[in-house]
PDB file of N, CA and C in Angstrom:
ATOM      1  N   MET A   1    -130.981  28.513 -76.423  1.00  0.00           N
ATOM      2  CA  MET A   1    -130.921  28.798 -75.004  1.00  0.00           C
ATOM      3  C   MET A   1    -132.222  29.493 -74.587  1.00  0.00           C
ATOM      4  N   PRO A   2    -132.839  29.055 -73.465  1.00  0.00           N
ATOM      5  CA  PRO A   2    -134.102  29.666 -73.055  1.00  0.00           C
ATOM      6  C   PRO A   2    -133.905  31.121 -72.659  1.00  0.00           C
ATOM      7  N   LYS A   3    -134.944  31.895 -72.890  1.00  0.00           N
ATOM      8  CA  LYS A   3    -134.911  33.305 -72.532  1.00  0.00           C
ATOM      9  C   LYS A   3    -135.013  33.435 -71.018  1.00  0.00           C
ATOM     10  N   THR A   4    -134.163  34.278 -70.447  1.00  0.00           N
ATOM     11  CA  THR A   4    -134.165  34.497 -69.010  1.00  0.00           C
ATOM     12  C   THR A   4    -135.201  35.554 -68.663  1.00  0.00           C
ATOM     13  N   PRO A   5    -136.110  35.246 -67.727  1.00  0.00           N
ATOM     14  CA  PRO A   5    -137.086  36.252 -67.321  1.00  0.00           C
ATOM     15  C   PRO A   5    -136.384  37.478 -66.749  1.00  0.00           C
ATOM     16  N   LYS A   6    -137.008  38.637 -66.921  1.00  0.00           N
ATOM     17  CA  LYS A   6    -136.409  39.888 -66.452  1.00  0.00           C
ATOM     18  C   LYS A   6    -136.118  39.847 -64.960  1.00  0.00           C
ATOM     19  N   SER A   7    -137.018  39.289 -64.171  1.00  0.00           N
ATOM     20  CA  SER A   7    -136.806  39.252 -62.723  1.00  0.00           C
ATOM     21  C   SER A   7    -135.586  38.413 -62.362  1.00  0.00           C
ATOM     22  N   ALA A   8    -135.365  37.308 -63.082  1.00  0.00           N
ATOM     23  CA  ALA A   8    -134.199  36.466 -62.808  1.00  0.00           C
ATOM     24  C   ALA A   8    -132.926  37.216 -63.180  1.00  0.00           C
ATOM     25  N   SER A   9    -132.965  37.903 -64.308  1.00  0.00           N
ATOM     26  CA  SER A   9    -131.805  38.677 -64.730  1.00  0.00           C
ATOM     27  C   SER A   9    -131.524  39.783 -63.718  1.00  0.00           C
ATOM     28  N   SER A  10    -132.567  40.446 -63.270  1.00  0.00           N
ATOM     29  CA  SER A  10    -132.412  41.507 -62.291  1.00  0.00           C
ATOM     30  C   SER A  10    -131.831  40.948 -60.988  1.00  0.00           C
ATOM     31  N   PHE A  11    -132.303  39.784 -60.582  1.00  0.00           N
ATOM     32  CA  PHE A  11    -131.777  39.139 -59.380  1.00  0.00           C
ATOM     33  C   PHE A  11    -130.299  38.844 -59.575  1.00  0.00           C
ATOM     34  N   ARG A  12    -129.976  38.279 -60.717  1.00  0.00           N
ATOM     35  CA  ARG A  12    -128.588  37.915 -61.019  1.00  0.00           C
ATOM     36  C   ARG A  12    -127.708  39.169 -61.030  1.00  0.00           C
ATOM     37  N   ASP A  13    -128.187  40.237 -61.654  1.00  0.00           N
ATOM     38  CA  ASP A  13    -127.414  41.482 -61.718  1.00  0.00           C
ATOM     39  C   ASP A  13    -127.196  42.066 -60.327  1.00  0.00           C
ATOM     40  N   THR A  14    -128.234  42.028 -59.508  1.00  0.00           N
ATOM     41  CA  THR A  14    -128.132  42.554 -58.148  1.00  0.00           C
ATOM     42  C   THR A  14    -127.147  41.732 -57.328  1.00  0.00           C
ATOM     43  N   LEU A  15    -127.207  40.425 -57.472  1.00  0.00           N
ATOM     44  CA  LEU A  15    -126.291  39.549 -56.748  1.00  0.00           C
ATOM     45  C   LEU A  15    -124.847  39.790 -57.190  1.00  0.00           C
ATOM     46  N   THR A  16    -124.635  39.959 -58.482  1.00  0.00           N
ATOM     47  CA  THR A  16    -123.294  40.233 -58.999  1.00  0.00           C
ATOM     48  C   THR A  16    -122.758  41.540 -58.439  1.00  0.00           C
ATOM     49  N   GLU A  17    -123.610  42.556 -58.389  1.00  0.00           N
ATOM     50  CA  GLU A  17    -123.203  43.850 -57.837  1.00  0.00           C
ATOM     51  C   GLU A  17    -122.836  43.714 -56.362  1.00  0.00           C
ATOM     52  N   LEU A  18    -123.628  42.949 -55.624  1.00  0.00           N
ATOM     53  CA  LEU A  18    -123.341  42.721 -54.204  1.00  0.00           C
ATOM     54  C   LEU A  18    -122.010  41.989 -54.040  1.00  0.00           C
ATOM     55  N   GLU A  19    -121.755  41.012 -54.874  1.00  0.00           N
ATOM     56  CA  GLU A  19    -120.486  40.278 -54.809  1.00  0.00           C
ATOM     57  C   GLU A  19    -119.292  41.190 -55.085  1.00  0.00           C
ATOM     58  N   LYS A  20    -119.443  42.116 -56.031  1.00  0.00           N
ATOM     59  CA  LYS A  20    -118.366  43.066 -56.333  1.00  0.00           C
ATOM     60  C   LYS A  20    -118.103  43.986 -55.142  1.00  0.00           C
ATOM     61  N   LEU A  21    -119.186  44.450 -54.507  1.00  0.00           N
ATOM     62  CA  LEU A  21    -119.024  45.304 -53.333  1.00  0.00           C
ATOM     63  C   LEU A  21    -118.348  44.551 -52.190  1.00  0.00           C
ATOM     64  N   THR A  22    -118.725  43.298 -52.025  1.00  0.00           N
ATOM     65  CA  THR A  22    -118.128  42.473 -50.971  1.00  0.00           C
ATOM     66  C   THR A  22    -116.640  42.293 -51.215  1.00  0.00           C
ATOM     67  N   ALA A  23    -116.273  42.028 -52.465  1.00  0.00           N
ATOM     68  CA  ALA A  23    -114.856  41.872 -52.808  1.00  0.00           C
ATOM     69  C   ALA A  23    -114.091  43.164 -52.545  1.00  0.00           C
ATOM     70  N   ALA A  24    -114.705  44.300 -52.870  1.00  0.00           N
ATOM     71  CA  ALA A  24    -114.048  45.586 -52.624  1.00  0.00           C
ATOM     72  C   ALA A  24    -113.853  45.819 -51.127  1.00  0.00           C
ATOM     73  N   LEU A  25    -114.852  45.435 -50.328  1.00  0.00           N
ATOM     74  CA  LEU A  25    -114.739  45.601 -48.880  1.00  0.00           C
ATOM     75  C   LEU A  25    -113.657  44.698 -48.287  1.00  0.00           C
ATOM     76  N   GLU A  26    -113.451  43.554 -48.901  1.00  0.00           N
ATOM     77  CA  GLU A  26    -112.441  42.622 -48.407  1.00  0.00           C
ATOM     78  C   GLU A  26    -111.026  43.029 -48.812  1.00  0.00           C
ATOM     79  N   ALA A  27    -110.908  43.944 -49.760  1.00  0.00           N
ATOM     80  CA  ALA A  27    -109.598  44.421 -50.199  1.00  0.00           C
ATOM     81  C   ALA A  27    -108.993  45.310 -49.120  1.00  0.00           C
ATOM     82  N   ASP A  28    -107.685  45.309 -49.055  1.00  0.00           N
ATOM     83  CA  ASP A  28    -106.990  46.096 -48.030  1.00  0.00           C
ATOM     84  C   ASP A  28    -106.820  47.565 -48.416  1.00  0.00           C
ATOM     85  N   ASP A  29    -107.080  47.908 -49.666  1.00  0.00           N
ATOM     86  CA  ASP A  29    -106.774  49.254 -50.134  1.00  0.00           C
ATOM     87  C   ASP A  29    -107.997  50.167 -50.252  1.00  0.00           C
ATOM     88  N   ILE A  30    -108.997  49.956 -49.422  1.00  0.00           N
ATOM     89  CA  ILE A  30    -110.206  50.771 -49.464  1.00  0.00           C
ATOM     90  C   ILE A  30    -110.209  51.711 -48.260  1.00  0.00           C
ATOM     91  N   ASP A  31    -110.549  52.972 -48.497  1.00  0.00           N
ATOM     92  CA  ASP A  31    -110.573  53.911 -47.373  1.00  0.00           C
ATOM     93  C   ASP A  31    -111.901  53.797 -46.622  1.00  0.00           C
ATOM     94  N   LEU A  32    -111.949  54.393 -45.458  1.00  0.00           N
ATOM     95  CA  LEU A  32    -113.096  54.241 -44.558  1.00  0.00           C
ATOM     96  C   LEU A  32    -114.390  54.761 -45.170  1.00  0.00           C
ATOM     97  N   ASP A  33    -114.356  55.953 -45.754  1.00  0.00           N
ATOM     98  CA  ASP A  33    -115.575  56.526 -46.339  1.00  0.00           C
ATOM     99  C   ASP A  33    -116.116  55.647 -47.464  1.00  0.00           C
ATOM    100  N   GLU A  34    -115.225  55.141 -48.291  1.00  0.00           N
ATOM    101  CA  GLU A  34    -115.647  54.267 -49.388  1.00  0.00           C
ATOM    102  C   GLU A  34    -116.196  52.949 -48.837  1.00  0.00           C
ATOM    103  N   ALA A  35    -115.576  52.433 -47.793  1.00  0.00           N
ATOM    104  CA  ALA A  35    -116.052  51.198 -47.163  1.00  0.00           C
ATOM    105  C   ALA A  35    -117.457  51.374 -46.596  1.00  0.00           C
ATOM    106  N   ILE A  36    -117.689  52.495 -45.958  1.00  0.00           N
ATOM    107  CA  ILE A  36    -119.015  52.765 -45.390  1.00  0.00           C
ATOM    108  C   ILE A  36    -120.051  52.868 -46.493  1.00  0.00           C
ATOM    109  N   SER A  37    -119.694  53.549 -47.571  1.00  0.00           N
ATOM    110  CA  SER A  37    -120.601  53.682 -48.710  1.00  0.00           C
ATOM    111  C   SER A  37    -120.915  52.316 -49.316  1.00  0.00           C
ATOM    112  N   HIS A  38    -119.881  51.497 -49.494  1.00  0.00           N
ATOM    113  CA  HIS A  38    -120.086  50.144 -50.033  1.00  0.00           C
ATOM    114  C   HIS A  38    -120.957  49.305 -49.100  1.00  0.00           C
ATOM    115  N   PHE A  39    -120.722  49.442 -47.796  1.00  0.00           N
ATOM    116  CA  PHE A  39    -121.508  48.685 -46.829  1.00  0.00           C
ATOM    117  C   PHE A  39    -122.977  49.080 -46.896  1.00  0.00           C
ATOM    118  N   GLU A  40    -123.236  50.373 -46.989  1.00  0.00           N
ATOM    119  CA  GLU A  40    -124.615  50.847 -47.067  1.00  0.00           C
ATOM    120  C   GLU A  40    -125.290  50.336 -48.342  1.00  0.00           C
ATOM    121  N   THR A  41    -124.611  50.466 -49.464  1.00  0.00           N
ATOM    122  CA  THR A  41    -125.169  49.985 -50.735  1.00  0.00           C
ATOM    123  C   THR A  41    -125.368  48.475 -50.692  1.00  0.00           C
ATOM    124  N   GLY A  42    -124.397  47.764 -50.139  1.00  0.00           N
ATOM    125  CA  GLY A  42    -124.497  46.307 -50.036  1.00  0.00           C
ATOM    126  C   GLY A  42    -125.663  45.875 -49.167  1.00  0.00           C
ATOM    127  N   SER A  43    -125.905  46.602 -48.100  1.00  0.00           N
ATOM    128  CA  SER A  43    -127.039  46.290 -47.222  1.00  0.00           C
ATOM    129  C   SER A  43    -128.360  46.473 -47.958  1.00  0.00           C
ATOM    130  N   GLU A  44    -128.457  47.531 -48.751  1.00  0.00           N
ATOM    131  CA  GLU A  44    -129.669  47.770 -49.541  1.00  0.00           C
ATOM    132  C   GLU A  44    -129.866  46.667 -50.583  1.00  0.00           C
ATOM    133  N   LEU A  45    -128.779  46.270 -51.234  1.00  0.00           N
ATOM    134  CA  LEU A  45    -128.864  45.202 -52.233  1.00  0.00           C
ATOM    135  C   LEU A  45    -129.272  43.882 -51.585  1.00  0.00           C
ATOM    136  N   ALA A  46    -128.686  43.576 -50.434  1.00  0.00           N
ATOM    137  CA  ALA A  46    -129.019  42.336 -49.734  1.00  0.00           C
ATOM    138  C   ALA A  46    -130.495  42.312 -49.342  1.00  0.00           C
ATOM    139  N   SER A  47    -131.002  43.447 -48.912  1.00  0.00           N
ATOM    140  CA  SER A  47    -132.416  43.538 -48.556  1.00  0.00           C
ATOM    141  C   SER A  47    -133.297  43.293 -49.783  1.00  0.00           C
ATOM    142  N   ARG A  48    -132.925  43.887 -50.902  1.00  0.00           N
ATOM    143  CA  ARG A  48    -133.683  43.696 -52.144  1.00  0.00           C
ATOM    144  C   ARG A  48    -133.667  42.222 -52.565  1.00  0.00           C
ATOM    145  N   LEU A  49    -132.511  41.583 -52.430  1.00  0.00           N
ATOM    146  CA  LEU A  49    -132.413  40.165 -52.781  1.00  0.00           C
ATOM    147  C   LEU A  49    -133.279  39.306 -51.862  1.00  0.00           C
ATOM    148  N   GLN A  50    -133.299  39.623 -50.584  1.00  0.00           N
ATOM    149  CA  GLN A  50    -134.135  38.874 -49.638  1.00  0.00           C
ATOM    150  C   GLN A  50    -135.608  39.006 -49.996  1.00  0.00           C
ATOM    151  N   GLU A  51    -136.022  40.201 -50.387  1.00  0.00           N
ATOM    152  CA  GLU A  51    -137.414  40.409 -50.790  1.00  0.00           C
ATOM    153  C   GLU A  51    -137.744  39.588 -52.040  1.00  0.00           C
ATOM    154  N   GLN A  52    -136.826  39.586 -53.008  1.00  0.00           N
ATOM    155  CA  GLN A  52    -137.058  38.825 -54.233  1.00  0.00           C
ATOM    156  C   GLN A  52    -137.131  37.327 -53.941  1.00  0.00           C
ATOM    157  N   LEU A  53    -136.274  36.852 -53.054  1.00  0.00           N
ATOM    158  CA  LEU A  53    -136.303  35.436 -52.692  1.00  0.00           C
ATOM    159  C   LEU A  53    -137.596  35.073 -51.967  1.00  0.00           C
ATOM    160  N   ALA A  54    -138.058  35.946 -51.088  1.00  0.00           N
ATOM    161  CA  ALA A  54    -139.315  35.695 -50.371  1.00  0.00           C
ATOM    162  C   ALA A  54    -140.487  35.644 -51.348  1.00  0.00           C
ATOM    163  N   THR A  55    -140.493  36.539 -52.320  1.00  0.00           N
ATOM    164  CA  THR A  55    -141.544  36.541 -53.338  1.00  0.00           C
ATOM    165  C   THR A  55    -141.505  35.258 -54.155  1.00  0.00           C
ATOM    166  N   ALA A  56    -140.308  34.841 -54.540  1.00  0.00           N
ATOM    167  CA  ALA A  56    -140.161  33.608 -55.310  1.00  0.00           C
ATOM    168  C   ALA A  56    -140.635  32.402 -54.492  1.00  0.00           C
ATOM    169  N   GLU A  57    -140.309  32.392 -53.213  1.00  0.00           N
ATOM    170  CA  GLU A  57    -140.732  31.294 -52.344  1.00  0.00           C
ATOM    171  C   GLU A  57    -142.254  31.215 -52.264  1.00  0.00           C
ATOM    172  N   GLN A  58    -142.911  32.350 -52.153  1.00  0.00           N
ATOM    173  CA  GLN A  58    -144.372  32.375 -52.101  1.00  0.00           C
ATOM    174  C   GLN A  58    -144.975  31.861 -53.407  1.00  0.00           C
ATOM    175  N   LYS A  59    -144.392  32.235 -54.533  1.00  0.00           N
ATOM    176  CA  LYS A  59    -144.875  31.762 -55.830  1.00  0.00           C
ATOM    177  C   LYS A  59    -144.731  30.249 -55.939  1.00  0.00           C
ATOM    178  N   ILE A  60    -143.605  29.733 -55.475  1.00  0.00           N
ATOM    179  CA  ILE A  60    -143.368  28.288 -55.523  1.00  0.00           C
ATOM    180  C   ILE A  60    -144.371  27.551 -54.645  1.00  0.00           C
ATOM    181  N   LYS A  61    -144.626  28.071 -53.461  1.00  0.00           N
ATOM    182  CA  LYS A  61    -145.610  27.449 -52.569  1.00  0.00           C
ATOM    183  C   LYS A  61    -146.994  27.434 -53.219  1.00  0.00           C
ATOM    184  N   LYS A  62    -147.350  28.527 -53.882  1.00  0.00           N
ATOM    185  CA  LYS A  62    -148.644  28.615 -54.543  1.00  0.00           C
ATOM    186  C   LYS A  62    -148.747  27.593 -55.674  1.00  0.00           C
ATOM    187  N   ILE A  63    -147.688  27.474 -56.461  1.00  0.00           N
ATOM    188  CA  ILE A  63    -147.679  26.504 -57.565  1.00  0.00           C
ATOM    189  C   ILE A  63    -147.764  25.083 -57.025  1.00  0.00           C
ATOM    190  N   LYS A  64    -146.984  24.794 -55.975  1.00  0.00           N
ATOM    191  CA  LYS A  64    -147.007  23.450 -55.385  1.00  0.00           C
ATOM    192  C   LYS A  64    -148.395  23.121 -54.848  1.00  0.00           C
ATOM    193  N   ALA A  65    -149.053  24.104 -54.257  1.00  0.00           N
ATOM    194  CA  ALA A  65    -150.395  23.887 -53.702  1.00  0.00           C
ATOM    195  C   ALA A  65    -151.398  23.566 -54.811  1.00  0.00           C
ATOM    196  N   GLN A  66    -151.225  24.175 -55.964  1.00  0.00           N
ATOM    197  CA  GLN A  66    -152.130  23.921 -57.088  1.00  0.00           C
ATOM    198  C   GLN A  66    -152.016  22.481 -57.578  1.00  0.00           C
ATOM    199  N   PHE A  67    -150.832  21.916 -57.474  1.00  0.00           N
ATOM    200  CA  PHE A  67    -150.603  20.581 -58.010  1.00  0.00           C
ATOM    201  C   PHE A  67    -150.466  19.517 -56.939  1.00  0.00           C
ATOM    202  N   ALA A  68    -150.738  19.870 -55.699  1.00  0.00           N
ATOM    203  CA  ALA A  68    -150.635  18.906 -54.610  1.00  0.00           C
ATOM    204  C   ALA A  68    -151.768  17.888 -54.712  1.00  0.00           C
ATOM    205  N   GLU A  69    -151.419  16.655 -54.374  1.00  0.00           N
ATOM    206  CA  GLU A  69    -152.446  15.604 -54.371  1.00  0.00           C
ATOM    207  C   GLU A  69    -153.291  15.763 -53.115  1.00  0.00           C
ATOM    208  N   PRO A  70    -154.592  15.581 -53.252  1.00  0.00           N
ATOM    209  CA  PRO A  70    -155.468  15.684 -52.074  1.00  0.00           C
ATOM    210  C   PRO A  70    -155.110  14.618 -51.035  1.00  0.00           C
ATOM    211  N   THR A  71    -155.256  14.977 -49.797  1.00  0.00           N
ATOM    212  CA  THR A  71    -155.000  14.004 -48.727  1.00  0.00           C
ATOM    213  C   THR A  71    -156.242  13.151 -48.528  1.00  0.00           C
ATOM    214  N   GLU A  72    -156.121  12.098 -47.751  1.00  0.00           N
ATOM    215  CA  GLU A  72    -157.239  11.181 -47.523  1.00  0.00           C
ATOM    216  C   GLU A  72    -158.385  11.862 -46.777  1.00  0.00           C
ATOM    217  N   ASP A  73    -158.071  12.922 -46.028  1.00  0.00           N
ATOM    218  CA  ASP A  73    -159.100  13.638 -45.267  1.00  0.00           C
ATOM    219  C   ASP A  73    -160.019  14.450 -46.154  1.00  0.00           C
ATOM    220  N   GLU A  74    -159.566  14.761 -47.366  1.00  0.00           N
ATOM    221  CA  GLU A  74    -160.359  15.612 -48.253  1.00  0.00           C
ATOM    222  C   GLU A  74    -161.325  14.823 -49.074  1.00  0.00           C
TER     223      GLU A  74
END
């Protein structure tokens, strides 16, 4: 099995944590203070995931540009 890069593992771990918080928020047995805390933590995790995805997108664009075929204008 290929080794998972640390950033991918970190992304996966963060996403799993966010999913757990979401499930807890959807449960009927959570009190208001705990819900607010989960919401705040979940918002921070979602922001971190968005940043990681944006970074990954930029890397992919850079790689694609390196291997793009020249157009007829070039």
